[in-house]
N, C-alpha and C. Protein backbone atom coordinates (compact mmCIF):
# COMPACT_ATOMS: atom_id res chain seq x y z
N MET A 1 7.12 31.07 -43.38
CA MET A 1 7.41 29.93 -44.23
C MET A 1 8.92 29.70 -44.25
N LYS A 2 9.30 28.47 -44.08
CA LYS A 2 10.73 28.14 -44.01
C LYS A 2 11.29 27.98 -45.42
N PRO A 3 12.53 28.44 -45.61
CA PRO A 3 13.17 28.24 -46.92
C PRO A 3 13.48 26.76 -47.15
N LYS A 4 13.63 26.40 -48.40
CA LYS A 4 13.86 25.00 -48.78
C LYS A 4 15.13 24.44 -48.12
N SER A 5 16.15 25.24 -48.00
CA SER A 5 17.41 24.78 -47.39
C SER A 5 17.20 24.41 -45.91
N GLN A 6 16.39 25.20 -45.22
CA GLN A 6 16.11 24.92 -43.81
C GLN A 6 15.29 23.64 -43.67
N LYS A 7 14.34 23.43 -44.59
CA LYS A 7 13.53 22.21 -44.57
C LYS A 7 14.40 20.99 -44.82
N LYS A 8 15.35 21.09 -45.75
CA LYS A 8 16.26 19.99 -46.04
C LYS A 8 17.11 19.65 -44.82
N GLU A 9 17.56 20.68 -44.12
CA GLU A 9 18.37 20.49 -42.92
C GLU A 9 17.55 19.81 -41.81
N GLU A 10 16.31 20.24 -41.63
CA GLU A 10 15.44 19.64 -40.62
C GLU A 10 15.13 18.18 -40.97
N LEU A 11 14.91 17.92 -42.26
CA LEU A 11 14.65 16.55 -42.71
C LEU A 11 15.87 15.66 -42.43
N LYS A 12 17.03 16.19 -42.68
CA LYS A 12 18.28 15.45 -42.43
C LYS A 12 18.43 15.14 -40.94
N LYS A 13 18.15 16.12 -40.09
CA LYS A 13 18.23 15.92 -38.63
C LYS A 13 17.22 14.88 -38.17
N LEU A 14 16.00 14.98 -38.68
CA LEU A 14 14.94 14.06 -38.27
C LEU A 14 15.27 12.63 -38.72
N LYS A 15 15.81 12.48 -39.93
CA LYS A 15 16.22 11.15 -40.42
C LYS A 15 17.32 10.55 -39.56
N ALA A 16 18.16 11.41 -39.01
CA ALA A 16 19.25 10.92 -38.15
C ALA A 16 18.77 10.59 -36.74
N LYS A 17 17.85 11.37 -36.22
CA LYS A 17 17.43 11.22 -34.82
C LYS A 17 16.31 10.21 -34.61
N LEU A 18 15.33 10.17 -35.50
CA LEU A 18 14.16 9.32 -35.29
C LEU A 18 14.50 7.83 -35.18
N PRO A 19 15.35 7.28 -36.04
CA PRO A 19 15.66 5.85 -35.92
C PRO A 19 16.41 5.50 -34.63
N LYS A 20 17.10 6.44 -34.01
CA LYS A 20 17.86 6.18 -32.79
C LYS A 20 17.01 6.28 -31.53
N ALA A 21 15.84 6.89 -31.65
CA ALA A 21 14.99 7.13 -30.48
C ALA A 21 14.36 5.83 -29.99
N LYS A 22 14.35 5.63 -28.66
CA LYS A 22 13.67 4.48 -28.07
C LYS A 22 12.18 4.77 -27.96
N ILE A 23 11.85 6.06 -27.84
CA ILE A 23 10.44 6.47 -27.79
C ILE A 23 10.28 7.75 -28.60
N THR A 24 9.19 7.81 -29.35
CA THR A 24 8.82 9.01 -30.09
C THR A 24 7.38 9.32 -29.71
N VAL A 25 7.20 10.44 -29.03
CA VAL A 25 5.86 10.83 -28.58
C VAL A 25 5.36 11.97 -29.47
N PHE A 26 4.16 11.79 -30.00
CA PHE A 26 3.53 12.80 -30.85
C PHE A 26 2.69 13.70 -29.96
N THR A 27 3.04 14.98 -29.93
CA THR A 27 2.35 15.93 -29.07
C THR A 27 1.84 17.11 -29.88
N THR A 28 0.98 17.88 -29.26
CA THR A 28 0.60 19.17 -29.80
C THR A 28 0.71 20.18 -28.67
N PHE A 29 1.20 21.32 -29.01
CA PHE A 29 1.38 22.38 -28.02
C PHE A 29 0.59 23.62 -28.42
N SER A 30 -0.10 23.54 -29.57
CA SER A 30 -0.86 24.68 -30.06
C SER A 30 -1.90 24.18 -31.06
N ARG A 31 -3.16 24.51 -30.79
CA ARG A 31 -4.25 24.17 -31.71
C ARG A 31 -4.97 25.44 -32.10
N ALA A 32 -5.58 25.41 -33.24
CA ALA A 32 -6.31 26.58 -33.74
C ALA A 32 -7.40 26.98 -32.74
N GLY A 33 -7.43 28.25 -32.40
CA GLY A 33 -8.45 28.77 -31.51
C GLY A 33 -8.17 28.56 -30.03
N GLU A 34 -7.06 27.92 -29.71
CA GLU A 34 -6.70 27.68 -28.31
C GLU A 34 -5.37 28.34 -28.00
N LYS A 35 -5.19 28.67 -26.74
CA LYS A 35 -3.93 29.24 -26.31
C LYS A 35 -2.91 28.11 -26.18
N GLY A 36 -1.77 28.26 -26.81
CA GLY A 36 -0.73 27.23 -26.77
C GLY A 36 0.25 27.45 -25.63
N LEU A 37 1.30 26.66 -25.63
CA LEU A 37 2.35 26.82 -24.61
C LEU A 37 3.10 28.13 -24.85
N SER A 38 3.44 28.80 -23.78
CA SER A 38 4.23 30.02 -23.90
C SER A 38 5.69 29.65 -24.16
N VAL A 39 6.48 30.63 -24.50
CA VAL A 39 7.92 30.41 -24.73
C VAL A 39 8.57 29.90 -23.44
N ALA A 40 8.17 30.45 -22.31
CA ALA A 40 8.74 30.02 -21.02
C ALA A 40 8.37 28.56 -20.74
N GLN A 41 7.14 28.18 -21.04
CA GLN A 41 6.71 26.79 -20.82
C GLN A 41 7.45 25.84 -21.75
N MET A 42 7.63 26.25 -23.01
CA MET A 42 8.37 25.42 -23.96
C MET A 42 9.82 25.25 -23.49
N SER A 43 10.41 26.31 -23.00
CA SER A 43 11.79 26.24 -22.49
C SER A 43 11.88 25.32 -21.29
N GLU A 44 10.90 25.40 -20.41
CA GLU A 44 10.85 24.53 -19.22
C GLU A 44 10.75 23.06 -19.64
N LEU A 45 9.90 22.79 -20.62
CA LEU A 45 9.73 21.42 -21.12
C LEU A 45 11.02 20.91 -21.74
N LYS A 46 11.64 21.72 -22.58
CA LYS A 46 12.89 21.30 -23.24
C LYS A 46 13.98 21.03 -22.22
N LYS A 47 14.05 21.87 -21.20
CA LYS A 47 15.07 21.69 -20.15
C LYS A 47 14.83 20.39 -19.38
N ALA A 48 13.58 20.11 -19.05
CA ALA A 48 13.24 18.88 -18.33
C ALA A 48 13.56 17.65 -19.17
N LEU A 49 13.31 17.72 -20.45
CA LEU A 49 13.55 16.59 -21.34
C LEU A 49 15.05 16.33 -21.53
N ARG A 50 15.83 17.41 -21.59
CA ARG A 50 17.28 17.25 -21.78
C ARG A 50 17.91 16.42 -20.68
N THR A 51 17.42 16.58 -19.45
CA THR A 51 17.98 15.83 -18.32
C THR A 51 17.67 14.34 -18.42
N MET A 52 16.75 13.97 -19.31
CA MET A 52 16.32 12.57 -19.45
C MET A 52 16.73 11.98 -20.80
N ASP A 53 17.70 12.57 -21.45
CA ASP A 53 18.14 12.12 -22.78
C ASP A 53 16.99 12.13 -23.78
N ALA A 54 16.26 13.22 -23.81
CA ALA A 54 15.15 13.39 -24.75
C ALA A 54 15.15 14.83 -25.23
N GLU A 55 14.47 15.06 -26.35
CA GLU A 55 14.36 16.42 -26.86
C GLU A 55 13.04 16.60 -27.60
N LEU A 56 12.58 17.85 -27.61
CA LEU A 56 11.38 18.21 -28.34
C LEU A 56 11.82 18.69 -29.72
N PHE A 57 11.25 18.07 -30.74
CA PHE A 57 11.60 18.40 -32.12
C PHE A 57 10.34 18.87 -32.82
N VAL A 58 10.34 20.10 -33.29
CA VAL A 58 9.17 20.68 -33.95
C VAL A 58 9.52 20.98 -35.40
N THR A 59 8.73 20.43 -36.30
CA THR A 59 8.92 20.69 -37.72
C THR A 59 7.58 20.48 -38.44
N LYS A 60 7.59 20.64 -39.73
CA LYS A 60 6.35 20.52 -40.52
C LYS A 60 5.89 19.06 -40.61
N LYS A 61 4.58 18.90 -40.69
CA LYS A 61 4.00 17.55 -40.78
C LYS A 61 4.48 16.80 -42.01
N THR A 62 4.67 17.51 -43.12
CA THR A 62 5.12 16.84 -44.35
C THR A 62 6.50 16.20 -44.15
N LEU A 63 7.37 16.89 -43.43
CA LEU A 63 8.72 16.34 -43.19
C LEU A 63 8.65 15.13 -42.26
N ILE A 64 7.81 15.22 -41.24
CA ILE A 64 7.64 14.09 -40.32
C ILE A 64 7.08 12.90 -41.09
N ASP A 65 6.07 13.16 -41.94
CA ASP A 65 5.44 12.09 -42.71
C ASP A 65 6.44 11.41 -43.65
N LEU A 66 7.31 12.18 -44.28
CA LEU A 66 8.32 11.60 -45.17
C LEU A 66 9.21 10.60 -44.42
N VAL A 67 9.67 10.98 -43.24
CA VAL A 67 10.55 10.11 -42.46
C VAL A 67 9.78 8.89 -41.95
N LEU A 68 8.54 9.09 -41.49
CA LEU A 68 7.75 7.96 -41.00
C LEU A 68 7.46 6.95 -42.10
N LYS A 69 7.18 7.43 -43.30
CA LYS A 69 6.95 6.52 -44.43
C LYS A 69 8.22 5.73 -44.75
N GLU A 70 9.35 6.42 -44.69
CA GLU A 70 10.64 5.78 -44.96
C GLU A 70 10.91 4.67 -43.93
N LEU A 71 10.47 4.89 -42.69
CA LEU A 71 10.67 3.92 -41.61
C LEU A 71 9.53 2.91 -41.53
N LYS A 72 8.57 3.02 -42.45
CA LYS A 72 7.42 2.12 -42.52
C LYS A 72 6.60 2.12 -41.22
N SER A 73 6.37 3.31 -40.70
CA SER A 73 5.59 3.46 -39.47
C SER A 73 4.11 3.60 -39.79
N GLU A 74 3.27 3.15 -38.83
CA GLU A 74 1.81 3.24 -38.98
C GLU A 74 1.27 4.62 -38.63
N ALA A 75 2.06 5.44 -37.98
CA ALA A 75 1.59 6.75 -37.51
C ALA A 75 1.24 7.65 -38.69
N ASP A 76 0.11 8.37 -38.57
CA ASP A 76 -0.34 9.29 -39.61
C ASP A 76 -0.45 10.69 -39.01
N VAL A 77 0.51 11.54 -39.31
CA VAL A 77 0.54 12.88 -38.72
C VAL A 77 -0.57 13.78 -39.25
N TYR A 78 -1.13 13.45 -40.39
CA TYR A 78 -2.17 14.31 -40.97
C TYR A 78 -3.50 14.18 -40.23
N THR A 79 -3.67 13.15 -39.41
CA THR A 79 -4.89 13.02 -38.61
C THR A 79 -4.75 13.76 -37.28
N MET A 80 -3.57 14.28 -37.03
CA MET A 80 -3.29 14.97 -35.76
C MET A 80 -3.57 16.46 -35.92
N ASP A 81 -4.40 16.99 -35.02
CA ASP A 81 -4.82 18.40 -35.06
C ASP A 81 -3.74 19.32 -34.53
N GLY A 82 -3.59 20.48 -35.14
CA GLY A 82 -2.69 21.50 -34.62
C GLY A 82 -1.24 21.26 -34.96
N SER A 83 -0.38 22.03 -34.31
CA SER A 83 1.07 21.90 -34.51
C SER A 83 1.54 20.61 -33.87
N VAL A 84 2.36 19.85 -34.58
CA VAL A 84 2.85 18.57 -34.07
C VAL A 84 4.30 18.73 -33.64
N GLY A 85 4.56 18.28 -32.43
CA GLY A 85 5.92 18.23 -31.92
C GLY A 85 6.25 16.79 -31.58
N LEU A 86 7.48 16.42 -31.83
CA LEU A 86 7.93 15.06 -31.51
C LEU A 86 8.86 15.13 -30.31
N VAL A 87 8.62 14.28 -29.35
CA VAL A 87 9.57 14.13 -28.26
C VAL A 87 10.34 12.86 -28.58
N LEU A 88 11.62 13.04 -28.89
CA LEU A 88 12.49 11.92 -29.25
C LEU A 88 13.35 11.59 -28.04
N GLY A 89 13.18 10.38 -27.52
CA GLY A 89 13.91 10.01 -26.30
C GLY A 89 14.79 8.80 -26.51
N THR A 90 16.02 8.90 -26.02
CA THR A 90 16.95 7.76 -26.04
C THR A 90 17.16 7.21 -24.64
N GLY A 91 16.59 7.87 -23.64
CA GLY A 91 16.71 7.43 -22.25
C GLY A 91 15.61 6.46 -21.87
N ASP A 92 15.31 6.38 -20.58
CA ASP A 92 14.28 5.49 -20.04
C ASP A 92 12.91 5.93 -20.56
N VAL A 93 12.26 5.06 -21.36
CA VAL A 93 10.99 5.41 -22.00
C VAL A 93 9.88 5.69 -20.99
N TYR A 94 9.87 4.96 -19.89
CA TYR A 94 8.82 5.15 -18.89
C TYR A 94 9.03 6.46 -18.12
N ALA A 95 10.27 6.78 -17.82
CA ALA A 95 10.56 8.04 -17.12
C ALA A 95 10.21 9.24 -18.01
N ILE A 96 10.53 9.14 -19.28
CA ILE A 96 10.21 10.23 -20.22
C ILE A 96 8.69 10.38 -20.33
N SER A 97 7.98 9.26 -20.44
CA SER A 97 6.52 9.30 -20.54
C SER A 97 5.91 9.93 -19.30
N LYS A 98 6.41 9.53 -18.14
CA LYS A 98 5.91 10.06 -16.87
C LYS A 98 6.17 11.56 -16.76
N LYS A 99 7.35 12.01 -17.16
CA LYS A 99 7.70 13.44 -17.10
C LYS A 99 6.78 14.24 -18.02
N LEU A 100 6.54 13.74 -19.22
CA LEU A 100 5.64 14.43 -20.15
C LEU A 100 4.22 14.51 -19.59
N TYR A 101 3.76 13.41 -19.01
CA TYR A 101 2.41 13.37 -18.45
C TYR A 101 2.28 14.38 -17.30
N GLU A 102 3.28 14.42 -16.42
CA GLU A 102 3.26 15.37 -15.30
C GLU A 102 3.27 16.81 -15.79
N PHE A 103 4.06 17.08 -16.83
CA PHE A 103 4.12 18.43 -17.40
C PHE A 103 2.77 18.79 -18.02
N ALA A 104 2.14 17.84 -18.71
CA ALA A 104 0.85 18.09 -19.37
C ALA A 104 -0.26 18.33 -18.35
N LYS A 105 -0.15 17.71 -17.17
CA LYS A 105 -1.17 17.95 -16.13
C LYS A 105 -1.13 19.40 -15.67
N LYS A 106 0.06 20.00 -15.63
CA LYS A 106 0.21 21.39 -15.21
C LYS A 106 -0.06 22.36 -16.35
N ASN A 107 0.18 21.92 -17.58
CA ASN A 107 0.07 22.78 -18.76
C ASN A 107 -0.89 22.12 -19.75
N LYS A 108 -2.15 22.49 -19.68
CA LYS A 108 -3.21 21.84 -20.46
C LYS A 108 -3.04 21.97 -21.97
N ALA A 109 -2.23 22.92 -22.43
CA ALA A 109 -2.04 23.10 -23.87
C ALA A 109 -1.25 21.93 -24.47
N LEU A 110 -0.42 21.27 -23.67
CA LEU A 110 0.34 20.11 -24.16
C LEU A 110 -0.56 18.90 -24.13
N GLN A 111 -0.82 18.35 -25.32
CA GLN A 111 -1.68 17.18 -25.44
C GLN A 111 -0.96 16.14 -26.28
N PHE A 112 -1.43 14.90 -26.20
CA PHE A 112 -0.75 13.79 -26.86
C PHE A 112 -1.63 13.16 -27.93
N PHE A 113 -0.98 12.64 -28.96
CA PHE A 113 -1.67 11.89 -30.01
C PHE A 113 -1.34 10.40 -29.91
N GLY A 114 -0.20 10.08 -29.35
CA GLY A 114 0.25 8.70 -29.25
C GLY A 114 1.76 8.66 -29.24
N ALA A 115 2.29 7.44 -29.40
CA ALA A 115 3.74 7.28 -29.36
C ALA A 115 4.15 6.03 -30.12
N ILE A 116 5.40 6.03 -30.49
CA ILE A 116 6.03 4.84 -31.04
C ILE A 116 7.13 4.50 -30.05
N PHE A 117 7.10 3.28 -29.54
CA PHE A 117 8.20 2.90 -28.65
C PHE A 117 8.53 1.44 -28.83
N SER A 118 9.75 1.13 -28.48
CA SER A 118 10.21 -0.24 -28.61
C SER A 118 10.34 -0.84 -27.22
N ALA A 119 9.57 -1.87 -26.94
CA ALA A 119 9.62 -2.54 -25.63
C ALA A 119 10.90 -3.36 -25.48
N GLU A 120 11.52 -3.73 -26.59
CA GLU A 120 12.71 -4.56 -26.53
C GLU A 120 13.97 -3.75 -26.25
N GLY A 121 13.87 -2.45 -26.19
CA GLY A 121 15.04 -1.61 -25.93
C GLY A 121 15.74 -1.16 -27.19
N GLY A 122 15.20 -1.52 -28.36
CA GLY A 122 15.78 -1.08 -29.62
C GLY A 122 15.28 0.31 -29.95
N SER A 123 15.27 0.65 -31.23
CA SER A 123 14.81 1.99 -31.60
C SER A 123 13.30 2.01 -31.76
N ALA A 124 12.73 3.17 -31.56
CA ALA A 124 11.27 3.33 -31.66
C ALA A 124 10.81 3.17 -33.09
N SER A 125 11.69 3.40 -34.05
CA SER A 125 11.27 3.31 -35.44
C SER A 125 10.84 1.89 -35.81
N GLY A 126 11.32 0.90 -35.06
CA GLY A 126 10.92 -0.47 -35.31
C GLY A 126 9.72 -0.87 -34.48
N GLY A 127 9.23 0.02 -33.64
CA GLY A 127 8.13 -0.29 -32.73
C GLY A 127 6.78 0.01 -33.35
N ASP A 128 5.75 -0.33 -32.60
CA ASP A 128 4.38 -0.10 -33.05
C ASP A 128 3.87 1.23 -32.53
N PHE A 129 2.92 1.80 -33.25
CA PHE A 129 2.29 3.05 -32.82
C PHE A 129 1.22 2.71 -31.79
N ILE A 130 1.28 3.37 -30.64
CA ILE A 130 0.22 3.21 -29.65
C ILE A 130 -0.54 4.53 -29.59
N ASP A 131 -1.84 4.45 -29.44
CA ASP A 131 -2.66 5.65 -29.44
C ASP A 131 -2.51 6.43 -28.13
N LYS A 132 -3.24 7.53 -28.05
CA LYS A 132 -3.17 8.42 -26.88
C LYS A 132 -3.48 7.66 -25.59
N ASP A 133 -4.52 6.85 -25.59
CA ASP A 133 -4.90 6.11 -24.38
C ASP A 133 -3.82 5.13 -23.95
N GLY A 134 -3.21 4.45 -24.91
CA GLY A 134 -2.12 3.53 -24.60
C GLY A 134 -0.92 4.25 -24.03
N PHE A 135 -0.62 5.41 -24.60
CA PHE A 135 0.51 6.20 -24.09
C PHE A 135 0.22 6.69 -22.67
N LEU A 136 -0.99 7.19 -22.43
CA LEU A 136 -1.33 7.69 -21.10
C LEU A 136 -1.31 6.57 -20.06
N GLU A 137 -1.73 5.39 -20.46
CA GLU A 137 -1.69 4.24 -19.55
C GLU A 137 -0.24 3.94 -19.16
N MET A 138 0.64 3.99 -20.14
CA MET A 138 2.07 3.76 -19.88
C MET A 138 2.64 4.87 -19.00
N ALA A 139 2.25 6.09 -19.25
CA ALA A 139 2.78 7.23 -18.50
C ALA A 139 2.31 7.24 -17.05
N LYS A 140 1.14 6.68 -16.78
CA LYS A 140 0.60 6.66 -15.42
C LYS A 140 1.11 5.49 -14.59
N MET A 141 1.84 4.59 -15.22
CA MET A 141 2.37 3.44 -14.47
C MET A 141 3.31 3.92 -13.37
N PRO A 142 3.32 3.22 -12.24
CA PRO A 142 4.26 3.59 -11.18
C PRO A 142 5.70 3.39 -11.66
N SER A 143 6.62 4.07 -11.01
CA SER A 143 8.02 3.96 -11.41
C SER A 143 8.56 2.56 -11.11
N ARG A 144 9.67 2.26 -11.68
CA ARG A 144 10.32 0.96 -11.50
C ARG A 144 10.59 0.68 -10.03
N GLU A 145 11.08 1.70 -9.33
CA GLU A 145 11.40 1.56 -7.91
C GLU A 145 10.16 1.23 -7.09
N VAL A 146 9.05 1.90 -7.39
CA VAL A 146 7.80 1.65 -6.68
C VAL A 146 7.32 0.23 -6.94
N LEU A 147 7.40 -0.21 -8.20
CA LEU A 147 6.97 -1.57 -8.53
C LEU A 147 7.84 -2.61 -7.84
N ILE A 148 9.15 -2.38 -7.76
CA ILE A 148 10.05 -3.30 -7.07
C ILE A 148 9.72 -3.33 -5.58
N GLY A 149 9.46 -2.17 -5.00
CA GLY A 149 9.09 -2.09 -3.59
C GLY A 149 7.80 -2.86 -3.30
N ARG A 150 6.83 -2.72 -4.19
CA ARG A 150 5.56 -3.45 -4.02
C ARG A 150 5.78 -4.96 -4.12
N LEU A 151 6.62 -5.37 -5.07
CA LEU A 151 6.92 -6.79 -5.24
C LEU A 151 7.59 -7.35 -3.99
N LEU A 152 8.58 -6.61 -3.48
CA LEU A 152 9.25 -7.07 -2.27
C LEU A 152 8.29 -7.15 -1.09
N GLY A 153 7.42 -6.18 -0.98
CA GLY A 153 6.41 -6.21 0.08
C GLY A 153 5.50 -7.42 -0.04
N MET A 154 5.11 -7.73 -1.27
CA MET A 154 4.25 -8.89 -1.50
C MET A 154 4.97 -10.20 -1.19
N LEU A 155 6.26 -10.24 -1.49
CA LEU A 155 7.04 -11.45 -1.23
C LEU A 155 7.32 -11.65 0.26
N THR A 156 7.56 -10.56 0.99
CA THR A 156 7.89 -10.69 2.41
C THR A 156 6.66 -10.86 3.30
N CYS A 157 5.49 -10.49 2.82
CA CYS A 157 4.27 -10.60 3.62
C CYS A 157 3.99 -12.03 4.09
N PRO A 158 4.03 -13.03 3.23
CA PRO A 158 3.79 -14.40 3.71
C PRO A 158 4.87 -14.86 4.70
N MET A 159 6.11 -14.45 4.46
CA MET A 159 7.19 -14.84 5.37
C MET A 159 6.98 -14.22 6.75
N ARG A 160 6.55 -12.95 6.78
CA ARG A 160 6.28 -12.28 8.06
C ARG A 160 5.14 -12.98 8.80
N GLY A 161 4.11 -13.34 8.06
CA GLY A 161 2.98 -14.05 8.65
C GLY A 161 3.40 -15.39 9.23
N LEU A 162 4.25 -16.10 8.51
CA LEU A 162 4.76 -17.39 9.00
C LEU A 162 5.60 -17.20 10.26
N ALA A 163 6.44 -16.16 10.25
CA ALA A 163 7.29 -15.89 11.41
C ALA A 163 6.43 -15.57 12.65
N VAL A 164 5.39 -14.79 12.48
CA VAL A 164 4.50 -14.45 13.59
C VAL A 164 3.80 -15.71 14.10
N ALA A 165 3.32 -16.55 13.20
CA ALA A 165 2.63 -17.78 13.59
C ALA A 165 3.57 -18.72 14.34
N LEU A 166 4.79 -18.88 13.85
CA LEU A 166 5.77 -19.74 14.53
C LEU A 166 6.14 -19.19 15.90
N SER A 167 6.23 -17.88 15.99
CA SER A 167 6.54 -17.24 17.27
C SER A 167 5.44 -17.52 18.29
N GLU A 168 4.18 -17.42 17.85
CA GLU A 168 3.05 -17.70 18.74
C GLU A 168 3.04 -19.16 19.17
N VAL A 169 3.33 -20.07 18.29
CA VAL A 169 3.39 -21.50 18.61
C VAL A 169 4.49 -21.75 19.64
N ALA A 170 5.64 -21.11 19.44
CA ALA A 170 6.75 -21.27 20.37
C ALA A 170 6.38 -20.74 21.76
N LYS A 171 5.69 -19.61 21.81
CA LYS A 171 5.27 -19.04 23.09
C LYS A 171 4.31 -19.99 23.81
N LYS A 172 3.38 -20.59 23.06
CA LYS A 172 2.42 -21.52 23.66
C LYS A 172 3.14 -22.76 24.19
N LYS A 173 4.14 -23.25 23.48
CA LYS A 173 4.89 -24.41 23.93
C LYS A 173 5.68 -24.09 25.20
N ASP A 174 6.26 -22.86 25.26
CA ASP A 174 7.00 -22.44 26.46
C ASP A 174 6.05 -22.36 27.66
N LEU A 175 4.86 -21.81 27.45
CA LEU A 175 3.88 -21.72 28.52
C LEU A 175 3.43 -23.11 28.97
N ALA A 176 3.23 -24.00 28.02
CA ALA A 176 2.81 -25.35 28.34
C ALA A 176 3.91 -26.10 29.10
N ALA A 177 5.16 -25.88 28.72
CA ALA A 177 6.28 -26.56 29.35
C ALA A 177 6.49 -26.07 30.79
N THR A 178 6.28 -24.79 31.04
CA THR A 178 6.44 -24.26 32.38
C THR A 178 5.25 -24.58 33.30
N ALA A 179 4.09 -24.83 32.72
CA ALA A 179 2.90 -25.12 33.51
C ALA A 179 2.90 -26.56 34.03
N ILE A 180 3.56 -27.48 33.36
CA ILE A 180 3.59 -28.89 33.77
C ILE A 180 4.69 -29.07 34.81
N PRO A 181 4.33 -29.52 36.04
CA PRO A 181 5.38 -29.75 37.05
C PRO A 181 6.19 -31.00 36.69
N GLY A 182 7.45 -30.90 36.85
CA GLY A 182 8.32 -31.92 36.40
C GLY A 182 8.87 -32.81 37.33
C-alpha cells in the first residue's frame, strides 16, 4: 500500500502529463489468475516507448479516475479488469499504437481496454474514448510511408497504362508508314 504522500505525488504527475498527451492508451499487464509481464518485459516496453516520446504510467485506478473526471473524459477505469497502466504519448499516435500492438502480439499478458486520442493533433484529454476494437483497428493501419507509397502507385498506374498505349500506337504508325511505298 502506498503512503498518502506518494499518492499525492503520483496524482500531481498524472495531472501534469495526461492533458499534454496526444494519445492515452489504457492497458493491463497483469490480471488475477494470469501470469503478467515480467520485469524484463516491462523494461523492454518502457525502453521502446521512450524512443517514441511515450511512457508507461502505472498507478491506482482511483487516482486515474480522479484525473479523468477532472478532464471530463468518458473513460471508466473501474470497468477495466486487472492492473491498469496508461501509455501517455506525445509523439506520433499511430506509431505508438503500432509499437504497442506489435509488443502485445509477442507478449500476450499486455492487453488493451481502449484509448483516448486527439485526431486534430491536440491533447488526448480533449479527445473521445475509443474502445479496444477501435484502438486495434488504428494500431493495425499501415504506416504513413506505406500509405503514401500505395497512393503514388495508384496515381502512376493510369499514367503508365496511357504511356504503354501511346507507345503501341506510335509503333503501329511507324510500321504503317514504312510499309507504304512512297
